Amino acid sequence: MRIFLLSLVLSISLIHAAIPVETEGMEPAISSDGTYLTASPTYFFDRPSLMAGIHSQSELWSPDFLTKRLLVDRYSVLPSWQIQEPSIWMQVGNEVGDMIYHDILTSSEDRPVNRTPMLEAGFRSNSFHGFWATGRFFQVDHFSSNTLRINRKTAGTMEYSLFGANLPGFSTGYAGLGYTKDQTEISILAGKEYLWLFGESGRWISALLSPRIQSQFHYKKLDLSLVYEDVLYINKEKGEEGTRKEWSGSLYFPYTDCCNSNKFKTGAGLAFRFVNDEGDTYFGLENDRAFWAFLQAKYEPIKDFTVSGHAGMNEKDWLIQDSIQYSLKKGTQTHFLFGVQNILATRLNPMGESYEYFDQDTISLSTDGLLQLYQVKIEFNQEWKDLQLGIRSSGFIEKGAETFDTTGFAEKKSDDWFRYGDVSRINSWIRGWAGEIEFSYKYNDLFKASALVGMEHLWGDEERFEVEPSEHWLEFNADWTINKTLLVSHSLHYRSDAQWNLRHPEPFEVPGDWFWNASFSQLFPKYGLTLSGTLLHVLSDTTLEVPNGNENRTRFFCAIKKMF
């Protein structure tokens, strides 16, 4: 039985499987090559290595984010409503300490307290004359116990989920139909979900979406999406309640050759939101609407030299992001890349909320002025048969970085602090440099290993940084493929200290630590079946990575997937 428990998991293929996460979108919870601070599945600070600027990656608008969820003023793939490939799957897991695993872990007198699970089950049928059906239920209770005492008062019940009673970060269920044939794909999904949103005030805000309806249409060089959400915000402790009916979506023409030349490609799109708020909605959108029209282009005047970028605007904001990149290859062994990137913007995310309402205060989530960001990066890769060496370096300067002007804190409640103020800017230059070296070895298709070491340092008005990022990280990865059907993967990471400055009266230290993750995946090709088991966050202490967030604990999950 124990061997069976450790052998179950979800993996699309052995080629792409390594260390999986509980569900797509939770990669920041196990990443270490940069700064990743997780508060829950719906909120994290994600800043990968060599990223320019001091902001979180999900705060900066990009055409790549068109299909992602917008949670307040950040983009997330959680909870994901992306269509899966034809299959049926199920996975379950726990923060280690649940009674299921007590006998395995400890003697009876030392058994840990009960902890929270994660659950997922879904299917996507084969096509019948192009038509198919899908359904999915998934919720991740992990990262929910630390805020339970406050969220329970807010929700007024322990049944704020589709299944169980642990007040999970999200709980989602949906079903729908679709059509896929040739270059056409159409789908419509409808469901219900519970969410906990993290405001700039530091509060967790409950939101019930019932229903949520998502439709998508793709035909050749045209993508359309339309989403309707009927949202209920509720705070039983204060007797507050509000509703929002929101329509959002996008019209997108992906890259296509322009002027009969494959050297010049263009694309364009329009994203929009319309809301109708009643009562205490906690968030506000100026004029009850937001839209964003944008153009993007790529130009390759000579081989290996590329100029690309996108520009967008609405009635209030504008953003320009462009880059120049030169890539030089010598055979298949040597690769050198030099790039320059520029960002000019009035706001990192012009589609986000305009206001947050807290007590009698209105928190402005946008500010006047301009962000300027300039980055230079260099990469060098060298291969010697089964060995590979990679060296990467990046430097940037930034002025007008978005930050928060904290004017005060609400009364302390059980070590949780809520802040007043507005989004503002750092109107002085911030400078940063980062570099990393990676070495990897591959032995046929049987074994692959890599080691990476990186560092970064920033100079500037550090007291006004929302987060002072980690300065050092170290990572070891290894994958074994046995008999072409069994994959054993593990990763060992170290990330140095990070610090939050503006969400707590005193700087909030996130101690550096070691992390170890391991996964076992077994494929049965004859039956299209994959079984796996995964352990995450094993070596690290139980740490709080975000003020008012949840502890990142050791977690185990297992799954089974049958491909059609």
Protein backbone atom coordinates (compact mmCIF):
# COMPACT_ATOMS: atom_id res chain seq x y z
CA MET A 1 0.00 0.00 0.00
CA ARG A 2 2.79 2.42 0.87
CA ILE A 3 4.61 1.62 -2.38
CA PHE A 4 1.36 2.22 -4.25
CA LEU A 5 0.84 5.61 -2.57
CA LEU A 6 4.32 6.72 -3.56
CA SER A 7 3.84 5.59 -7.16
CA LEU A 8 0.77 7.62 -8.14
CA VAL A 9 0.99 10.99 -10.10
CA LEU A 10 -0.03 13.14 -13.01
CA SER A 11 2.47 13.60 -15.82
CA ILE A 12 1.77 14.38 -19.46
CA SER A 13 4.90 12.64 -20.71
CA LEU A 14 8.21 11.45 -19.34
CA ILE A 15 10.05 13.72 -21.73
CA HIS A 16 8.60 16.88 -20.26
CA ALA A 17 8.03 15.68 -16.71
CA ALA A 18 10.47 16.65 -14.00
CA ILE A 19 9.24 17.99 -10.66
CA PRO A 20 5.51 18.62 -11.19
CA VAL A 21 3.40 20.95 -9.07
CA GLU A 22 -0.02 20.35 -7.55
CA THR A 23 -1.69 22.08 -10.46
CA GLU A 24 -0.53 24.34 -13.25
CA GLY A 25 0.29 27.86 -12.12
CA MET A 26 1.93 26.86 -8.84
CA GLU A 27 5.46 26.80 -10.29
CA PRO A 28 6.55 29.74 -8.09
CA ALA A 29 5.93 27.56 -5.03
CA ILE A 30 8.90 25.32 -5.98
CA SER A 31 11.13 27.73 -7.96
CA SER A 32 14.38 29.10 -6.57
CA ASP A 33 16.35 30.61 -9.48
CA GLY A 34 15.42 34.15 -8.51
CA THR A 35 12.91 35.34 -5.90
CA TYR A 36 9.60 33.50 -5.49
CA LEU A 37 7.58 34.21 -2.35
CA THR A 38 4.30 32.35 -2.00
CA ALA A 39 1.35 33.41 0.15
CA SER A 40 -1.22 31.04 -1.35
CA PRO A 41 -2.06 29.51 -4.74
CA THR A 42 -3.68 32.80 -5.75
CA TYR A 43 -0.93 35.22 -4.67
CA PHE A 44 2.84 35.12 -5.02
CA PHE A 45 5.78 37.40 -5.75
CA ASP A 46 7.40 35.93 -8.87
CA ARG A 47 10.65 37.48 -10.02
CA PRO A 48 12.83 35.05 -12.03
CA SER A 49 16.59 35.37 -12.27
CA LEU A 50 17.97 38.06 -14.61
CA MET A 51 14.64 39.89 -14.64
CA ALA A 52 14.92 43.66 -14.95
CA GLY A 53 13.17 45.93 -12.46
CA ILE A 54 12.05 45.38 -8.87
CA HIS A 55 8.47 44.37 -9.61
CA SER A 56 6.83 40.95 -9.77
CA GLN A 57 6.64 39.44 -13.25
CA SER A 58 2.87 38.94 -13.06
CA GLU A 59 2.33 42.67 -12.43
CA LEU A 60 3.61 43.70 -15.90
CA TRP A 61 1.04 43.49 -18.71
CA SER A 62 2.07 41.48 -21.76
CA PRO A 63 0.26 39.99 -24.81
CA ASP A 64 1.29 36.61 -23.42
CA PHE A 65 -1.09 37.21 -20.49
CA LEU A 66 -4.26 37.48 -22.59
CA THR A 67 -5.45 34.00 -21.59
CA LYS A 68 -4.45 34.29 -17.93
CA ARG A 69 -6.72 35.22 -15.03
CA LEU A 70 -6.57 38.74 -13.65
CA LEU A 71 -6.73 38.65 -9.84
CA VAL A 72 -7.02 42.27 -8.63
CA ASP A 73 -3.93 43.70 -10.38
CA ARG A 74 -1.85 40.59 -11.11
CA TYR A 75 -2.06 37.90 -13.74
CA SER A 76 -2.27 34.24 -12.81
CA VAL A 77 -3.00 30.93 -14.51
CA LEU A 78 -4.77 29.91 -11.32
CA PRO A 79 -7.48 28.82 -11.15
CA SER A 80 -6.84 27.54 -14.70
CA TRP A 81 -9.69 26.99 -17.11
CA GLN A 82 -7.40 25.94 -19.97
CA ILE A 83 -8.65 23.03 -22.05
CA GLN A 84 -6.75 19.78 -21.41
CA GLU A 85 -5.86 17.09 -23.94
CA PRO A 86 -8.25 14.09 -24.29
CA SER A 87 -7.81 12.11 -21.07
CA ILE A 88 -9.23 11.33 -17.65
CA TRP A 89 -7.27 12.07 -14.48
CA MET A 90 -7.39 12.32 -10.70
CA GLN A 91 -4.90 13.48 -8.08
CA VAL A 92 -4.90 13.91 -4.33
CA GLY A 93 -2.35 15.28 -1.88
CA ASN A 94 -1.66 16.73 1.53
CA GLU A 95 0.56 18.98 3.49
CA VAL A 96 2.45 16.18 5.24
CA GLY A 97 0.93 15.63 8.66
CA ASP A 98 -2.57 14.50 7.79
CA MET A 99 -3.86 11.40 9.56
CA ILE A 100 -3.62 9.34 6.36
CA TYR A 101 0.17 9.48 6.67
CA HIS A 102 0.55 9.45 10.48
CA ASP A 103 1.47 5.78 10.72
CA ILE A 104 4.06 6.18 7.98
CA LEU A 105 5.70 9.25 9.44
CA THR A 106 5.87 9.01 13.24
CA SER A 107 5.10 7.02 16.31
CA SER A 108 1.68 7.55 17.86
CA GLU A 109 2.86 9.89 20.63
CA ASP A 110 4.55 12.27 18.16
CA ARG A 111 1.97 12.48 15.40
CA PRO A 112 1.61 16.00 13.95
CA VAL A 113 -1.67 17.85 13.80
CA ASN A 114 -4.05 17.39 10.89
CA ARG A 115 -3.17 19.47 7.83
CA THR A 116 -4.84 20.38 4.59
CA PRO A 117 -5.36 18.42 1.35
CA MET A 118 -5.60 19.08 -2.36
CA LEU A 119 -8.00 17.35 -4.73
CA GLU A 120 -8.48 17.24 -8.49
CA ALA A 121 -10.47 15.13 -10.95
CA GLY A 122 -11.34 15.77 -14.55
CA PHE A 123 -11.90 14.46 -18.05
CA ARG A 124 -11.78 15.58 -21.66
CA SER A 125 -13.48 13.24 -24.10
CA ASN A 126 -12.29 12.23 -27.54
CA SER A 127 -13.77 14.15 -30.44
CA PHE A 128 -16.87 12.86 -32.23
CA HIS A 129 -17.07 14.58 -35.60
CA GLY A 130 -15.06 17.37 -33.96
CA PHE A 131 -17.29 17.74 -30.87
CA TRP A 132 -16.05 16.95 -27.35
CA ALA A 133 -17.00 17.44 -23.68
CA THR A 134 -14.94 18.27 -20.60
CA GLY A 135 -15.35 18.68 -16.87
CA ARG A 136 -13.02 19.40 -13.97
CA PHE A 137 -13.05 19.88 -10.21
CA PHE A 138 -9.94 21.04 -8.39
CA GLN A 139 -9.02 22.85 -5.20
CA VAL A 140 -5.77 23.41 -3.35
CA ASP A 141 -6.23 23.75 0.41
CA HIS A 142 -2.45 23.99 0.88
CA PHE A 143 -1.33 27.38 2.23
CA SER A 144 -4.71 27.88 3.94
CA SER A 145 -4.24 27.04 7.63
CA ASN A 146 -2.35 30.17 8.74
CA THR A 147 -5.13 32.54 7.64
CA LEU A 148 -7.91 30.22 8.80
CA ARG A 149 -8.63 32.15 12.01
CA ILE A 150 -9.37 35.40 10.12
CA ASN A 151 -10.87 33.95 6.94
CA ARG A 152 -13.31 31.89 8.99
CA LYS A 153 -14.70 35.09 10.52
CA THR A 154 -14.87 36.72 7.09
CA ALA A 155 -16.67 33.83 5.38
CA GLY A 156 -18.89 33.20 8.40
CA THR A 157 -18.75 29.46 7.67
CA MET A 158 -16.33 26.57 7.24
CA GLU A 159 -18.15 25.49 4.08
CA TYR A 160 -16.67 28.10 1.75
CA SER A 161 -15.65 25.54 -0.89
CA LEU A 162 -17.18 23.01 -3.28
CA PHE A 163 -15.84 20.11 -1.18
CA GLY A 164 -14.69 19.81 2.42
CA ALA A 165 -14.29 22.52 5.05
CA ASN A 166 -10.77 23.93 5.03
CA LEU A 167 -11.33 27.36 3.41
CA PRO A 168 -8.95 26.60 0.49
CA GLY A 169 -7.26 29.36 -1.49
CA PHE A 170 -9.48 28.38 -4.39
CA SER A 171 -12.11 25.74 -5.10
CA THR A 172 -13.27 25.41 -8.69
CA GLY A 173 -15.60 23.23 -10.71
CA TYR A 174 -16.65 23.58 -14.34
CA ALA A 175 -18.00 21.64 -17.31
CA GLY A 176 -18.38 22.46 -20.95
CA LEU A 177 -18.49 21.55 -24.62
CA GLY A 178 -16.20 22.25 -27.55
CA TYR A 179 -15.50 21.73 -31.21
CA THR A 180 -12.06 21.17 -32.73
CA LYS A 181 -11.39 20.55 -36.39
CA ASP A 182 -8.80 21.71 -38.90
CA GLN A 183 -7.86 25.27 -37.85
CA THR A 184 -11.00 25.89 -35.81
CA GLU A 185 -11.49 25.49 -32.07
CA ILE A 186 -14.55 26.62 -30.13
CA SER A 187 -15.32 26.03 -26.46
CA ILE A 188 -17.72 27.20 -23.78
CA LEU A 189 -17.28 26.36 -20.09
CA ALA A 190 -19.53 27.15 -17.13
CA GLY A 191 -18.88 26.63 -13.45
CA LYS A 192 -18.63 27.93 -9.93
CA GLU A 193 -15.62 28.82 -7.79
CA TYR A 194 -14.56 30.19 -4.42
CA LEU A 195 -11.52 32.50 -4.30
CA TRP A 196 -9.50 34.34 -1.69
CA LEU A 197 -8.02 37.54 -3.17
CA PHE A 198 -5.08 39.38 -1.61
CA GLY A 199 -5.51 43.16 -1.61
CA GLU A 200 -2.85 45.86 -1.46
CA SER A 201 -4.15 46.52 2.04
CA GLY A 202 -2.90 43.09 3.08
CA ARG A 203 -6.40 41.67 3.59
CA TRP A 204 -7.69 38.38 2.26
CA ILE A 205 -11.03 39.05 0.56
CA SER A 206 -13.55 36.30 -0.12
CA ALA A 207 -15.13 36.07 -3.56
CA LEU A 208 -17.74 33.60 -4.80
CA LEU A 209 -18.09 33.39 -8.58
CA SER A 210 -21.43 31.82 -9.43
CA PRO A 211 -21.65 31.41 -12.29
CA ARG A 212 -18.45 31.93 -14.24
CA ILE A 213 -18.82 31.38 -17.98
CA GLN A 214 -15.86 31.32 -20.36
CA SER A 215 -16.00 31.03 -24.15
CA GLN A 216 -13.15 30.94 -26.64
CA PHE A 217 -12.98 30.89 -30.43
CA HIS A 218 -9.92 30.29 -32.57
CA TYR A 219 -9.87 30.27 -36.37
CA LYS A 220 -6.65 30.57 -38.35
CA LYS A 221 -5.27 34.01 -37.44
CA LEU A 222 -8.05 35.09 -35.10
CA ASP A 223 -8.53 34.50 -31.37
CA LEU A 224 -11.63 35.61 -29.47
CA SER A 225 -12.42 35.18 -25.78
CA LEU A 226 -15.37 36.29 -23.67
CA VAL A 227 -15.88 35.74 -19.92
CA TYR A 228 -18.84 36.52 -17.68
CA GLU A 229 -18.48 36.50 -13.88
CA ASP A 230 -21.17 37.05 -11.27
CA VAL A 231 -19.15 37.75 -8.12
CA LEU A 232 -20.30 37.94 -4.50
CA TYR A 233 -17.97 39.63 -2.00
CA ILE A 234 -18.83 38.98 1.63
CA ASN A 235 -17.52 39.82 5.10
CA LYS A 236 -19.79 38.30 7.76
CA GLU A 237 -17.71 39.74 10.61
CA LYS A 238 -18.44 43.33 9.50
CA GLY A 239 -21.85 42.59 8.00
CA GLU A 240 -20.72 43.71 4.53
CA GLU A 241 -21.77 42.32 1.18
CA GLY A 242 -21.40 43.39 -2.43
CA THR A 243 -21.88 42.04 -5.95
CA ARG A 244 -20.06 42.53 -9.22
CA LYS A 245 -21.22 41.49 -12.66
CA GLU A 246 -18.25 41.58 -15.02
CA TRP A 247 -17.77 41.03 -18.74
CA SER A 248 -14.21 40.68 -19.96
CA GLY A 249 -12.42 39.32 -22.98
CA SER A 250 -10.11 39.94 -25.88
CA LEU A 251 -9.84 40.08 -29.65
CA TYR A 252 -6.41 39.03 -30.89
CA PHE A 253 -4.70 38.70 -34.25
CA PRO A 254 -1.43 36.81 -33.58
CA TYR A 255 1.78 37.41 -35.48
CA THR A 256 1.46 37.16 -39.26
CA ASP A 257 3.72 38.04 -42.17
CA CYS A 258 3.36 41.64 -43.28
CA CYS A 259 3.96 43.27 -46.67
CA ASN A 260 4.59 39.85 -48.28
CA SER A 261 7.79 39.54 -46.29
CA ASN A 262 8.61 36.85 -43.72
CA LYS A 263 11.16 39.25 -42.21
CA PHE A 264 8.43 41.54 -40.86
CA LYS A 265 5.61 40.14 -38.71
CA THR A 266 2.82 42.05 -36.99
CA GLY A 267 -0.01 41.35 -34.59
CA ALA A 268 -2.72 43.35 -32.84
CA GLY A 269 -5.36 42.98 -30.20
CA LEU A 270 -7.89 44.51 -27.84
CA ALA A 271 -8.55 43.51 -24.23
CA PHE A 272 -11.55 44.85 -22.29
CA ARG A 273 -13.43 44.75 -18.98
CA PHE A 274 -16.88 46.10 -18.04
CA VAL A 275 -18.18 45.89 -14.46
CA ASN A 276 -21.40 46.69 -12.63
CA ASP A 277 -20.82 46.97 -8.86
CA GLU A 278 -23.39 47.12 -6.09
CA GLY A 279 -22.78 47.27 -2.34
CA ASP A 280 -19.42 46.61 -0.70
CA THR A 281 -17.28 45.27 -3.53
CA TYR A 282 -13.89 46.21 -1.92
CA PHE A 283 -12.44 47.02 -5.35
CA GLY A 284 -13.32 49.64 -7.93
CA LEU A 285 -12.64 50.13 -11.63
CA GLU A 286 -12.55 53.75 -12.82
CA ASN A 287 -15.59 54.52 -15.01
CA ASP A 288 -16.59 50.84 -14.52
CA ARG A 289 -14.53 49.85 -17.54
CA ALA A 290 -11.03 49.21 -18.82
CA PHE A 291 -9.73 48.46 -22.29
CA TRP A 292 -6.33 48.06 -23.87
CA ALA A 293 -5.57 48.29 -27.60
CA PHE A 294 -2.11 47.09 -28.62
CA LEU A 295 0.16 46.39 -31.59
CA GLN A 296 3.16 44.10 -31.72
CA ALA A 297 5.85 43.57 -34.34
CA LYS A 298 8.97 41.56 -35.13
CA TYR A 299 11.55 42.54 -37.72
CA GLU A 300 14.61 40.56 -38.80
CA PRO A 301 16.57 42.78 -41.22
CA ILE A 302 19.51 40.37 -41.28
CA LYS A 303 19.97 36.82 -40.12
CA ASP A 304 20.10 36.38 -36.32
CA PHE A 305 19.30 40.06 -35.65
CA THR A 306 15.77 40.68 -34.35
CA VAL A 307 13.92 43.83 -33.35
CA SER A 308 10.61 43.22 -31.57
CA GLY A 309 8.17 44.92 -29.27
CA HIS A 310 4.63 45.87 -28.46
CA ALA A 311 2.83 49.11 -27.65
CA GLY A 312 -0.58 49.65 -26.08
CA MET A 313 -2.80 52.45 -24.88
CA ASN A 314 -6.20 53.39 -23.51
CA GLU A 315 -7.82 56.68 -22.53
CA LYS A 316 -5.49 57.10 -19.53
CA ASP A 317 -2.40 54.89 -19.79
CA TRP A 318 0.17 53.74 -22.33
CA LEU A 319 3.00 51.20 -22.39
CA ILE A 320 5.86 50.49 -24.80
CA GLN A 321 8.10 47.45 -24.48
CA ASP A 322 10.76 46.76 -27.12
CA SER A 323 13.93 44.74 -27.49
CA ILE A 324 16.90 44.26 -29.80
CA GLN A 325 18.53 40.86 -29.89
CA TYR A 326 21.54 39.48 -31.73
CA SER A 327 22.11 35.73 -31.70
CA LEU A 328 25.30 34.18 -33.06
CA LYS A 329 25.64 30.43 -33.53
CA LYS A 330 28.77 28.54 -34.46
CA GLY A 331 27.70 25.10 -35.54
CA THR A 332 25.57 23.39 -32.94
CA GLN A 333 28.12 23.77 -30.13
CA THR A 334 28.45 27.51 -29.49
CA HIS A 335 25.71 30.06 -28.99
CA PHE A 336 26.14 33.73 -28.06
CA LEU A 337 23.29 36.18 -27.47
CA PHE A 338 23.30 39.92 -26.81
CA GLY A 339 20.08 41.80 -26.09
CA VAL A 340 18.76 45.18 -25.04
CA GLN A 341 15.28 45.76 -23.61
CA ASN A 342 13.39 48.99 -22.88
CA ILE A 343 10.09 49.57 -21.07
CA LEU A 344 8.29 52.92 -20.86
CA ALA A 345 4.90 52.89 -19.14
CA THR A 346 2.48 54.95 -17.12
CA ARG A 347 1.35 51.78 -15.32
CA LEU A 348 2.63 48.22 -15.09
CA ASN A 349 -0.84 46.72 -15.49
CA PRO A 350 -3.39 49.11 -17.03
CA MET A 351 -6.12 46.42 -16.95
CA GLY A 352 -5.99 46.06 -13.15
CA GLU A 353 -8.27 47.55 -10.51
CA SER A 354 -8.20 51.30 -9.94
CA TYR A 355 -9.10 51.36 -6.23
CA GLU A 356 -9.33 49.25 -3.11
CA TYR A 357 -11.74 50.28 -0.35
CA PHE A 358 -10.60 49.62 3.22
CA ASP A 359 -12.50 50.97 6.24
CA GLN A 360 -13.17 54.61 5.33
CA ASP A 361 -10.04 54.84 3.19
CA THR A 362 -9.73 54.59 -0.60
CA ILE A 363 -6.43 53.07 -1.70
CA SER A 364 -5.40 54.23 -5.16
CA LEU A 365 -3.86 51.40 -7.18
CA SER A 366 -2.42 53.66 -9.87
CA THR A 367 -0.29 56.77 -9.79
CA ASP A 368 0.90 59.64 -11.95
CA GLY A 369 4.26 59.75 -13.65
CA LEU A 370 6.30 57.43 -15.83
CA LEU A 371 8.27 54.20 -15.43
CA GLN A 372 11.55 53.94 -17.35
CA LEU A 373 13.41 50.63 -17.46
CA TYR A 374 16.48 49.76 -19.53
CA GLN A 375 18.21 46.36 -19.54
CA VAL A 376 21.25 44.77 -21.20
CA LYS A 377 21.72 41.00 -21.16
CA ILE A 378 24.39 38.60 -22.42
CA GLU A 379 24.22 34.82 -22.74
CA PHE A 380 26.86 32.27 -23.74
CA ASN A 381 26.31 28.53 -24.18
CA GLN A 382 28.89 25.93 -25.10
CA GLU A 383 28.31 22.23 -25.73
CA TRP A 384 30.85 19.39 -25.72
CA LYS A 385 29.01 16.23 -26.69
CA ASP A 386 27.21 15.35 -23.40
CA LEU A 387 28.36 18.43 -21.47
CA GLN A 388 26.97 21.95 -21.60
CA LEU A 389 28.06 25.21 -20.00
CA GLY A 390 25.84 28.31 -19.80
CA ILE A 391 26.84 31.77 -18.60
CA ARG A 392 24.22 34.52 -18.34
CA SER A 393 24.46 38.10 -17.11
CA SER A 394 22.11 41.06 -16.97
CA GLY A 395 22.20 44.68 -15.84
CA PHE A 396 19.41 47.26 -15.61
CA ILE A 397 18.56 50.77 -14.53
CA GLU A 398 15.04 51.86 -13.58
CA LYS A 399 13.39 55.14 -12.66
CA GLY A 400 9.78 55.61 -11.61
CA ALA A 401 9.38 52.07 -10.29
CA GLU A 402 5.94 51.42 -8.83
CA THR A 403 5.88 51.00 -5.06
CA PHE A 404 3.50 51.71 -2.17
CA ASP A 405 3.35 54.82 0.01
CA THR A 406 2.30 53.38 3.38
CA THR A 407 0.65 56.09 5.50
CA GLY A 408 -0.35 53.91 8.45
CA PHE A 409 -1.42 50.50 9.71
CA ALA A 410 -4.69 49.19 11.01
CA GLU A 411 -4.91 47.67 14.46
CA LYS A 412 -2.82 44.56 14.89
CA LYS A 413 -4.89 41.37 14.90
CA SER A 414 -3.20 38.04 15.62
CA ASP A 415 0.07 39.11 13.97
CA ASP A 416 -1.71 40.33 10.83
CA TRP A 417 -1.15 43.93 9.74
CA PHE A 418 -3.32 45.89 7.31
CA ARG A 419 -1.97 49.06 5.71
CA TYR A 420 -3.32 52.37 4.43
CA GLY A 421 -1.82 54.45 1.63
CA ASP A 422 -1.58 54.53 -2.16
CA VAL A 423 0.50 53.15 -5.00
CA SER A 424 3.34 55.60 -5.71
CA ARG A 425 6.71 55.80 -7.48
CA ILE A 426 10.39 55.75 -6.63
CA ASN A 427 11.51 58.82 -8.57
CA SER A 428 15.20 58.01 -8.42
CA TRP A 429 17.38 55.58 -10.32
CA ILE A 430 17.61 51.95 -9.22
CA ARG A 431 20.48 49.87 -10.57
CA GLY A 432 20.84 46.13 -10.61
CA TRP A 433 23.21 43.43 -11.82
CA ALA A 434 22.72 39.67 -11.90
CA GLY A 435 24.66 36.71 -13.23
CA GLU A 436 24.50 32.95 -13.18
CA ILE A 437 26.46 29.93 -14.34
CA GLU A 438 24.87 26.61 -15.24
CA PHE A 439 26.58 23.29 -15.94
CA SER A 440 24.70 20.24 -17.22
CA TYR A 441 25.52 16.67 -18.18
CA LYS A 442 23.47 14.16 -20.18
CA TYR A 443 24.18 10.45 -20.57
CA ASN A 444 22.17 9.16 -23.53
CA ASP A 445 18.49 9.17 -22.57
CA LEU A 446 19.16 7.58 -19.21
CA PHE A 447 20.45 10.38 -17.01
CA LYS A 448 20.49 14.16 -16.99
CA ALA A 449 21.89 16.43 -14.29
CA SER A 450 22.46 20.17 -13.92
CA ALA A 451 23.90 22.61 -11.40
CA LEU A 452 23.25 26.36 -11.34
CA VAL A 453 24.61 29.15 -9.16
CA GLY A 454 23.46 32.77 -9.40
CA MET A 455 23.67 36.09 -7.64
CA GLU A 456 22.17 39.57 -7.86
CA HIS A 457 22.67 42.93 -6.21
CA LEU A 458 20.55 46.09 -6.34
CA TRP A 459 21.47 49.70 -5.56
CA GLY A 460 18.90 52.40 -4.83
CA ASP A 461 16.26 53.53 -2.37
CA GLU A 462 15.92 50.07 -0.79
CA GLU A 463 13.59 51.18 2.00
CA ARG A 464 10.95 51.88 -0.66
CA PHE A 465 11.28 48.50 -2.38
CA GLU A 466 8.16 46.41 -1.81
CA VAL A 467 10.52 43.43 -1.80
CA GLU A 468 14.30 43.29 -1.53
CA PRO A 469 15.02 40.19 -3.62
CA SER A 470 17.23 37.24 -2.77
CA GLU A 471 20.87 37.86 -3.62
CA HIS A 472 22.06 34.27 -4.06
CA TRP A 473 20.56 31.03 -5.31
CA LEU A 474 21.90 27.55 -5.92
CA GLU A 475 20.18 24.68 -7.68
CA PHE A 476 20.91 20.99 -8.42
CA ASN A 477 18.64 18.87 -10.61
CA ALA A 478 18.82 15.23 -11.70
CA ASP A 479 16.53 13.02 -13.81
CA TRP A 480 16.86 9.27 -14.31
CA THR A 481 14.91 7.45 -17.04
CA ILE A 482 14.82 3.71 -16.35
CA ASN A 483 13.68 1.25 -18.99
CA LYS A 484 12.21 4.19 -20.93
CA THR A 485 9.09 4.15 -18.73
CA LEU A 486 10.17 5.10 -15.20
CA LEU A 487 11.33 8.63 -14.46
CA VAL A 488 12.89 9.57 -11.12
CA SER A 489 13.53 13.29 -10.63
CA HIS A 490 14.83 15.38 -7.80
CA SER A 491 15.92 18.95 -7.25
CA LEU A 492 17.83 20.59 -4.43
CA HIS A 493 17.69 24.39 -4.13
CA TYR A 494 19.05 27.11 -1.93
CA ARG A 495 17.67 30.66 -1.87
CA SER A 496 19.12 33.42 0.30
CA ASP A 497 17.18 35.90 2.45
CA ALA A 498 14.54 38.24 1.05
CA GLN A 499 12.73 41.10 2.77
CA TRP A 500 9.34 42.83 2.59
CA ASN A 501 9.52 46.52 3.57
CA LEU A 502 6.09 48.12 3.22
CA ARG A 503 3.49 45.57 4.39
CA HIS A 504 4.65 45.43 8.00
CA PRO A 505 5.67 48.08 10.59
CA GLU A 506 9.12 46.48 10.73
CA PRO A 507 10.96 44.90 7.78
CA PHE A 508 9.60 41.38 7.34
CA GLU A 509 12.49 38.95 6.88
CA VAL A 510 12.08 35.81 4.78
CA PRO A 511 15.00 33.59 5.82
CA GLY A 512 17.03 31.80 3.19
CA ASP A 513 16.68 28.03 3.19
CA TRP A 514 17.29 24.76 1.37
CA PHE A 515 14.49 23.06 -0.55
CA TRP A 516 14.35 19.47 -1.76
CA ASN A 517 11.72 18.10 -4.14
CA ALA A 518 11.40 14.58 -5.57
CA SER A 519 9.08 12.85 -8.03
CA PHE A 520 8.53 9.31 -9.35
CA SER A 521 6.59 8.74 -12.59
CA GLN A 522 5.72 5.42 -14.22
CA LEU A 523 4.39 5.27 -17.77
CA PHE A 524 2.44 2.35 -19.24
CA PRO A 525 2.54 3.18 -22.98
CA LYS A 526 0.35 0.23 -23.99
CA TYR A 527 -2.51 1.60 -21.88
CA GLY A 528 -1.75 5.34 -22.19
CA LEU A 529 -1.49 5.44 -18.42
CA THR A 530 0.78 7.50 -16.15
CA LEU A 531 1.16 7.09 -12.38
CA SER A 532 3.32 9.38 -10.23
CA GLY A 533 4.07 10.54 -6.71
CA THR A 534 5.72 13.81 -5.68
CA LEU A 535 7.18 15.31 -2.53
CA LEU A 536 7.67 19.08 -2.41
CA HIS A 537 9.46 21.45 -0.04
CA VAL A 538 10.95 18.65 2.04
CA LEU A 539 14.09 20.09 3.67
CA SER A 540 12.99 23.64 4.36
CA ASP A 541 11.60 24.85 7.65
CA THR A 542 7.95 25.84 7.88
CA THR A 543 8.31 29.46 6.80
CA LEU A 544 6.03 32.41 6.21
CA GLU A 545 7.14 34.00 2.93
CA VAL A 546 4.62 36.86 2.63
CA PRO A 547 3.18 39.04 5.44
CA ASN A 548 -0.38 37.90 6.23
CA GLY A 549 0.30 34.88 4.02
CA ASN A 550 0.42 31.16 4.64
CA GLU A 551 3.25 28.85 5.57
CA ASN A 552 5.00 26.88 2.83
CA ARG A 553 5.04 23.34 4.22
CA THR A 554 6.22 19.94 3.04
CA ARG A 555 3.62 18.53 0.66
CA PHE A 556 2.93 15.15 -0.94
CA PHE A 557 0.56 14.40 -3.80
CA CYS A 558 -0.13 11.50 -6.13
CA ALA A 559 -2.11 11.16 -9.33
CA ILE A 560 -3.17 8.95 -12.18
CA LYS A 561 -3.85 9.93 -15.77
CA LYS A 562 -5.28 7.93 -18.66
CA MET A 563 -4.73 9.33 -22.15
CA PHE A 564 -7.39 8.64 -24.80
